[in-house]
Amino acid sequence: MQDILDVKFDKFMEDFNLRSDSPEVNWRRFVNYHFFSQFQPGRLDTDLELFDKVCTQSAEFPQVHGAFF
């Protein structure tokens, strides 16, 4: 199962050109992308600014990895 996730994660980083960011940040983006895509498929593919807003990181709320839109 881990191999499948690794392949999907690598493809995601390649598709969104995220190789320069840390693995932790990219993993958060990967999870958020797949979670929110269940509600609005394709939305984050076309609106990268929204995608960046969804992938928040807050010092006040470090447990929160995304925001609903």
PDB file of N, CA and C in Angstrom:
ATOM      1  N   MET A   1       0.824  -1.192   0.000  1.00  0.00           N
ATOM      2  CA  MET A   1       0.000   0.000   0.000  1.00  0.00           C
ATOM      3  C   MET A   1       0.869   1.258   0.000  1.00  0.00           C
ATOM      4  N   GLN A   2       1.962   1.217   0.728  1.00  0.00           N
ATOM      5  CA  GLN A   2       2.841   2.382   0.791  1.00  0.00           C
ATOM      6  C   GLN A   2       3.414   2.724  -0.578  1.00  0.00           C
ATOM      7  N   ASP A   3       3.725   1.707  -1.376  1.00  0.00           N
ATOM      8  CA  ASP A   3       4.265   1.953  -2.715  1.00  0.00           C
ATOM      9  C   ASP A   3       3.265   2.709  -3.588  1.00  0.00           C
ATOM     10  N   ILE A   4       1.997   2.368  -3.472  1.00  0.00           N
ATOM     11  CA  ILE A   4       0.965   3.061  -4.246  1.00  0.00           C
ATOM     12  C   ILE A   4       0.886   4.522  -3.826  1.00  0.00           C
ATOM     13  N   LEU A   5       0.915   4.782  -2.528  1.00  0.00           N
ATOM     14  CA  LEU A   5       0.890   6.167  -2.044  1.00  0.00           C
ATOM     15  C   LEU A   5       2.121   6.938  -2.489  1.00  0.00           C
ATOM     16  N   ASP A   6       3.279   6.299  -2.450  1.00  0.00           N
ATOM     17  CA  ASP A   6       4.512   6.959  -2.884  1.00  0.00           C
ATOM     18  C   ASP A   6       4.434   7.366  -4.358  1.00  0.00           C
ATOM     19  N   VAL A   7       3.910   6.487  -5.184  1.00  0.00           N
ATOM     20  CA  VAL A   7       3.784   6.777  -6.610  1.00  0.00           C
ATOM     21  C   VAL A   7       2.805   7.927  -6.826  1.00  0.00           C
ATOM     22  N   LYS A   8       1.663   7.887  -6.146  1.00  0.00           N
ATOM     23  CA  LYS A   8       0.669   8.954  -6.282  1.00  0.00           C
ATOM     24  C   LYS A   8       1.225  10.280  -5.759  1.00  0.00           C
ATOM     25  N   PHE A   9       1.947  10.232  -4.655  1.00  0.00           N
ATOM     26  CA  PHE A   9       2.542  11.434  -4.071  1.00  0.00           C
ATOM     27  C   PHE A   9       3.588  12.024  -5.016  1.00  0.00           C
ATOM     28  N   ASP A  10       4.441  11.186  -5.581  1.00  0.00           N
ATOM     29  CA  ASP A  10       5.451  11.664  -6.536  1.00  0.00           C
ATOM     30  C   ASP A  10       4.801  12.279  -7.774  1.00  0.00           C
ATOM     31  N   LYS A  11       3.747  11.653  -8.277  1.00  0.00           N
ATOM     32  CA  LYS A  11       3.035  12.180  -9.444  1.00  0.00           C
ATOM     33  C   LYS A  11       2.399  13.529  -9.113  1.00  0.00           C
ATOM     34  N   PHE A  12       1.832  13.641  -7.922  1.00  0.00           N
ATOM     35  CA  PHE A  12       1.230  14.898  -7.473  1.00  0.00           C
ATOM     36  C   PHE A  12       2.275  16.006  -7.426  1.00  0.00           C
ATOM     37  N   MET A  13       3.438  15.724  -6.838  1.00  0.00           N
ATOM     38  CA  MET A  13       4.502  16.728  -6.754  1.00  0.00           C
ATOM     39  C   MET A  13       4.977  17.129  -8.146  1.00  0.00           C
ATOM     40  N   GLU A  14       5.040  16.180  -9.048  1.00  0.00           N
ATOM     41  CA  GLU A  14       5.452  16.479 -10.420  1.00  0.00           C
ATOM     42  C   GLU A  14       4.390  17.333 -11.130  1.00  0.00           C
ATOM     43  N   ASP A  15       3.125  16.955 -10.996  1.00  0.00           N
ATOM     44  CA  ASP A  15       2.038  17.678 -11.664  1.00  0.00           C
ATOM     45  C   ASP A  15       1.935  19.129 -11.199  1.00  0.00           C
ATOM     46  N   PHE A  16       2.175  19.368  -9.917  1.00  0.00           N
ATOM     47  CA  PHE A  16       2.047  20.711  -9.358  1.00  0.00           C
ATOM     48  C   PHE A  16       3.394  21.412  -9.193  1.00  0.00           C
ATOM     49  N   ASN A  17       4.454  20.775  -9.701  1.00  0.00           N
ATOM     50  CA  ASN A  17       5.798  21.365  -9.658  1.00  0.00           C
ATOM     51  C   ASN A  17       6.178  21.774  -8.230  1.00  0.00           C
ATOM     52  N   LEU A  18       6.134  20.814  -7.316  1.00  0.00           N
ATOM     53  CA  LEU A  18       6.362  21.074  -5.895  1.00  0.00           C
ATOM     54  C   LEU A  18       7.661  20.487  -5.375  1.00  0.00           C
ATOM     55  N   ARG A  19       8.587  20.193  -6.219  1.00  0.00           N
ATOM     56  CA  ARG A  19       9.836  19.541  -5.795  1.00  0.00           C
ATOM     57  C   ARG A  19      10.674  20.411  -4.858  1.00  0.00           C
ATOM     58  N   SER A  20      10.509  21.729  -4.903  1.00  0.00           N
ATOM     59  CA  SER A  20      11.362  22.608  -4.096  1.00  0.00           C
ATOM     60  C   SER A  20      10.876  22.752  -2.655  1.00  0.00           C
ATOM     61  N   ASP A  21       9.621  22.374  -2.378  1.00  0.00           N
ATOM     62  CA  ASP A  21       9.090  22.482  -1.017  1.00  0.00           C
ATOM     63  C   ASP A  21       9.442  21.253  -0.191  1.00  0.00           C
ATOM     64  N   SER A  22       9.296  21.378   1.111  1.00  0.00           N
ATOM     65  CA  SER A  22       9.628  20.263   2.001  1.00  0.00           C
ATOM     66  C   SER A  22       8.609  19.132   1.845  1.00  0.00           C
ATOM     67  N   PRO A  23       9.016  17.904   2.150  1.00  0.00           N
ATOM     68  CA  PRO A  23       8.083  16.778   2.058  1.00  0.00           C
ATOM     69  C   PRO A  23       6.860  16.939   2.968  1.00  0.00           C
ATOM     70  N   GLU A  24       7.028  17.558   4.127  1.00  0.00           N
ATOM     71  CA  GLU A  24       5.912  17.750   5.053  1.00  0.00           C
ATOM     72  C   GLU A  24       4.870  18.694   4.453  1.00  0.00           C
ATOM     73  N   VAL A  25       5.333  19.785   3.864  1.00  0.00           N
ATOM     74  CA  VAL A  25       4.428  20.747   3.233  1.00  0.00           C
ATOM     75  C   VAL A  25       3.735  20.092   2.038  1.00  0.00           C
ATOM     76  N   ASN A  26       4.484  19.362   1.242  1.00  0.00           N
ATOM     77  CA  ASN A  26       3.902  18.701   0.078  1.00  0.00           C
ATOM     78  C   ASN A  26       2.901  17.622   0.473  1.00  0.00           C
ATOM     79  N   TRP A  27       3.187  16.900   1.538  1.00  0.00           N
ATOM     80  CA  TRP A  27       2.250  15.868   2.001  1.00  0.00           C
ATOM     81  C   TRP A  27       0.943  16.513   2.448  1.00  0.00           C
ATOM     82  N   ARG A  28       1.005  17.638   3.156  1.00  0.00           N
ATOM     83  CA  ARG A  28      -0.193  18.366   3.581  1.00  0.00           C
ATOM     84  C   ARG A  28      -0.997  18.800   2.347  1.00  0.00           C
ATOM     85  N   ARG A  29      -0.312  19.301   1.327  1.00  0.00           N
ATOM     86  CA  ARG A  29      -0.993  19.695   0.091  1.00  0.00           C
ATOM     87  C   ARG A  29      -1.641  18.491  -0.590  1.00  0.00           C
ATOM     88  N   PHE A  30      -0.926  17.388  -0.622  1.00  0.00           N
ATOM     89  CA  PHE A  30      -1.434  16.155  -1.234  1.00  0.00           C
ATOM     90  C   PHE A  30      -2.724  15.702  -0.547  1.00  0.00           C
ATOM     91  N   VAL A  31      -2.710  15.663   0.766  1.00  0.00           N
ATOM     92  CA  VAL A  31      -3.885  15.230   1.531  1.00  0.00           C
ATOM     93  C   VAL A  31      -5.039  16.204   1.326  1.00  0.00           C
ATOM     94  N   ASN A  32      -4.767  17.499   1.432  1.00  0.00           N
ATOM     95  CA  ASN A  32      -5.819  18.501   1.221  1.00  0.00           C
ATOM     96  C   ASN A  32      -6.406  18.402  -0.184  1.00  0.00           C
ATOM     97  N   TYR A  33      -5.537  18.257  -1.173  1.00  0.00           N
ATOM     98  CA  TYR A  33      -6.004  18.165  -2.550  1.00  0.00           C
ATOM     99  C   TYR A  33      -6.992  17.011  -2.716  1.00  0.00           C
ATOM    100  N   HIS A  34      -6.630  15.846  -2.223  1.00  0.00           N
ATOM    101  CA  HIS A  34      -7.499  14.686  -2.395  1.00  0.00           C
ATOM    102  C   HIS A  34      -8.746  14.772  -1.530  1.00  0.00           C
ATOM    103  N   PHE A  35      -8.636  15.353  -0.362  1.00  0.00           N
ATOM    104  CA  PHE A  35      -9.813  15.511   0.494  1.00  0.00           C
ATOM    105  C   PHE A  35     -10.818  16.458  -0.156  1.00  0.00           C
ATOM    106  N   PHE A  36     -10.379  17.658  -0.522  1.00  0.00           N
ATOM    107  CA  PHE A  36     -11.296  18.649  -1.069  1.00  0.00           C
ATOM    108  C   PHE A  36     -11.778  18.295  -2.470  1.00  0.00           C
ATOM    109  N   SER A  37     -11.013  17.526  -3.198  1.00  0.00           N
ATOM    110  CA  SER A  37     -11.433  17.107  -4.534  1.00  0.00           C
ATOM    111  C   SER A  37     -12.615  16.157  -4.482  1.00  0.00           C
ATOM    112  N   GLN A  38     -12.864  15.559  -3.343  1.00  0.00           N
ATOM    113  CA  GLN A  38     -14.041  14.709  -3.192  1.00  0.00           C
ATOM    114  C   GLN A  38     -15.319  15.539  -3.245  1.00  0.00           C
ATOM    115  N   PHE A  39     -15.250  16.802  -2.831  1.00  0.00           N
ATOM    116  CA  PHE A  39     -16.418  17.680  -2.795  1.00  0.00           C
ATOM    117  C   PHE A  39     -16.590  18.467  -4.094  1.00  0.00           C
ATOM    118  N   GLN A  40     -15.476  18.908  -4.683  1.00  0.00           N
ATOM    119  CA  GLN A  40     -15.513  19.670  -5.924  1.00  0.00           C
ATOM    120  C   GLN A  40     -14.393  19.187  -6.845  1.00  0.00           C
ATOM    121  N   PRO A  41     -14.625  18.091  -7.548  1.00  0.00           N
ATOM    122  CA  PRO A  41     -13.581  17.549  -8.425  1.00  0.00           C
ATOM    123  C   PRO A  41     -13.124  18.564  -9.464  1.00  0.00           C
ATOM    124  N   GLY A  42     -11.815  18.665  -9.633  1.00  0.00           N
ATOM    125  CA  GLY A  42     -11.238  19.545 -10.639  1.00  0.00           C
ATOM    126  C   GLY A  42     -11.087  20.996 -10.232  1.00  0.00           C
ATOM    127  N   ARG A  43     -11.712  21.398  -9.143  1.00  0.00           N
ATOM    128  CA  ARG A  43     -11.678  22.817  -8.747  1.00  0.00           C
ATOM    129  C   ARG A  43     -10.259  23.273  -8.429  1.00  0.00           C
ATOM    130  N   LEU A  44      -9.511  22.485  -7.691  1.00  0.00           N
ATOM    131  CA  LEU A  44      -8.167  22.890  -7.301  1.00  0.00           C
ATOM    132  C   LEU A  44      -7.168  22.748  -8.453  1.00  0.00           C
ATOM    133  N   ASP A  45      -7.537  22.011  -9.483  1.00  0.00           N
ATOM    134  CA  ASP A  45      -6.670  21.892 -10.663  1.00  0.00           C
ATOM    135  C   ASP A  45      -6.599  23.206 -11.431  1.00  0.00           C
ATOM    136  N   THR A  46      -7.685  23.956 -11.403  1.00  0.00           N
ATOM    137  CA  THR A  46      -7.768  25.187 -12.190  1.00  0.00           C
ATOM    138  C   THR A  46      -7.568  26.453 -11.372  1.00  0.00           C
ATOM    139  N   ASP A  47      -7.630  26.346 -10.055  1.00  0.00           N
ATOM    140  CA  ASP A  47      -7.505  27.527  -9.204  1.00  0.00           C
ATOM    141  C   ASP A  47      -6.373  27.311  -8.202  1.00  0.00           C
ATOM    142  N   LEU A  48      -5.140  27.529  -8.652  1.00  0.00           N
ATOM    143  CA  LEU A  48      -3.980  27.274  -7.797  1.00  0.00           C
ATOM    144  C   LEU A  48      -3.897  28.260  -6.646  1.00  0.00           C
ATOM    145  N   GLU A  49      -4.424  29.466  -6.806  1.00  0.00           N
ATOM    146  CA  GLU A  49      -4.438  30.428  -5.704  1.00  0.00           C
ATOM    147  C   GLU A  49      -5.333  29.920  -4.575  1.00  0.00           C
ATOM    148  N   LEU A  50      -6.484  29.373  -4.924  1.00  0.00           N
ATOM    149  CA  LEU A  50      -7.365  28.781  -3.926  1.00  0.00           C
ATOM    150  C   LEU A  50      -6.678  27.599  -3.256  1.00  0.00           C
ATOM    151  N   PHE A  51      -5.993  26.800  -4.047  1.00  0.00           N
ATOM    152  CA  PHE A  51      -5.280  25.644  -3.511  1.00  0.00           C
ATOM    153  C   PHE A  51      -4.254  26.083  -2.461  1.00  0.00           C
ATOM    154  N   ASP A  52      -3.518  27.166  -2.730  1.00  0.00           N
ATOM    155  CA  ASP A  52      -2.550  27.679  -1.765  1.00  0.00           C
ATOM    156  C   ASP A  52      -3.241  28.178  -0.499  1.00  0.00           C
ATOM    157  N   LYS A  53      -4.410  28.786  -0.648  1.00  0.00           N
ATOM    158  CA  LYS A  53      -5.155  29.279   0.523  1.00  0.00           C
ATOM    159  C   LYS A  53      -5.678  28.134   1.369  1.00  0.00           C
ATOM    160  N   VAL A  54      -6.076  27.052   0.716  1.00  0.00           N
ATOM    161  CA  VAL A  54      -6.593  25.891   1.431  1.00  0.00           C
ATOM    162  C   VAL A  54      -5.489  25.238   2.260  1.00  0.00           C
ATOM    163  N   CYS A  55      -4.282  25.263   1.763  1.00  0.00           N
ATOM    164  CA  CYS A  55      -3.152  24.620   2.438  1.00  0.00           C
ATOM    165  C   CYS A  55      -2.516  25.593   3.431  1.00  0.00           C
ATOM    166  N   THR A  56      -3.261  25.904   4.455  1.00  0.00           N
ATOM    167  CA  THR A  56      -2.797  26.857   5.449  1.00  0.00           C
ATOM    168  C   THR A  56      -1.903  26.175   6.470  1.00  0.00           C
ATOM    169  N   GLN A  57      -1.066  26.969   7.082  1.00  0.00           N
ATOM    170  CA  GLN A  57      -0.279  26.502   8.222  1.00  0.00           C
ATOM    171  C   GLN A  57      -0.268  27.648   9.218  1.00  0.00           C
ATOM    172  N   SER A  58      -0.825  27.389  10.367  1.00  0.00           N
ATOM    173  CA  SER A  58      -0.994  28.429  11.362  1.00  0.00           C
ATOM    174  C   SER A  58      -0.221  28.081  12.626  1.00  0.00           C
ATOM    175  N   ALA A  59       0.505  29.049  13.145  1.00  0.00           N
ATOM    176  CA  ALA A  59       1.203  28.839  14.417  1.00  0.00           C
ATOM    177  C   ALA A  59       0.197  28.704  15.553  1.00  0.00           C
ATOM    178  N   GLU A  60      -0.926  29.389  15.406  1.00  0.00           N
ATOM    179  CA  GLU A  60      -1.964  29.347  16.434  1.00  0.00           C
ATOM    180  C   GLU A  60      -2.693  28.003  16.452  1.00  0.00           C
ATOM    181  N   PHE A  61      -2.890  27.402  15.267  1.00  0.00           N
ATOM    182  CA  PHE A  61      -3.601  26.140  15.142  1.00  0.00           C
ATOM    183  C   PHE A  61      -2.768  25.159  14.317  1.00  0.00           C
ATOM    184  N   PRO A  62      -1.687  24.643  14.859  1.00  0.00           N
ATOM    185  CA  PRO A  62      -0.808  23.774  14.066  1.00  0.00           C
ATOM    186  C   PRO A  62      -1.451  22.451  13.668  1.00  0.00           C
ATOM    187  N   GLN A  63      -2.530  22.058  14.348  1.00  0.00           N
ATOM    188  CA  GLN A  63      -3.179  20.798  14.019  1.00  0.00           C
ATOM    189  C   GLN A  63      -4.030  20.911  12.770  1.00  0.00           C
ATOM    190  N   VAL A  64      -4.448  22.131  12.425  1.00  0.00           N
ATOM    191  CA  VAL A  64      -5.317  22.344  11.271  1.00  0.00           C
ATOM    192  C   VAL A  64      -4.458  22.350  10.007  1.00  0.00           C
ATOM    193  N   HIS A  65      -4.803  21.502   9.080  1.00  0.00           N
ATOM    194  CA  HIS A  65      -3.999  21.379   7.851  1.00  0.00           C
ATOM    195  C   HIS A  65      -4.741  21.874   6.625  1.00  0.00           C
ATOM    196  N   GLY A  66      -5.937  22.335   6.778  1.00  0.00           N
ATOM    197  CA  GLY A  66      -6.686  22.832   5.636  1.00  0.00           C
ATOM    198  C   GLY A  66      -7.844  23.673   6.115  1.00  0.00           C
ATOM    199  N   ALA A  67      -8.485  24.324   5.196  1.00  0.00           N
ATOM    200  CA  ALA A  67      -9.639  25.156   5.514  1.00  0.00           C
ATOM    201  C   ALA A  67     -10.731  24.858   4.515  1.00  0.00           C
ATOM    202  N   PHE A  68     -11.962  24.806   4.983  1.00  0.00           N
ATOM    203  CA  PHE A  68     -13.078  24.578   4.068  1.00  0.00           C
ATOM    204  C   PHE A  68     -13.337  25.810   3.237  1.00  0.00           C
ATOM    205  N   PHE A  69     -13.735  25.606   2.023  1.00  0.00           N
ATOM    206  CA  PHE A  69     -14.078  26.719   1.142  1.00  0.00           C
ATOM    207  C   PHE A  69     -15.442  26.498   0.561  1.00  0.00           C
TER     208      PHE A  69
END
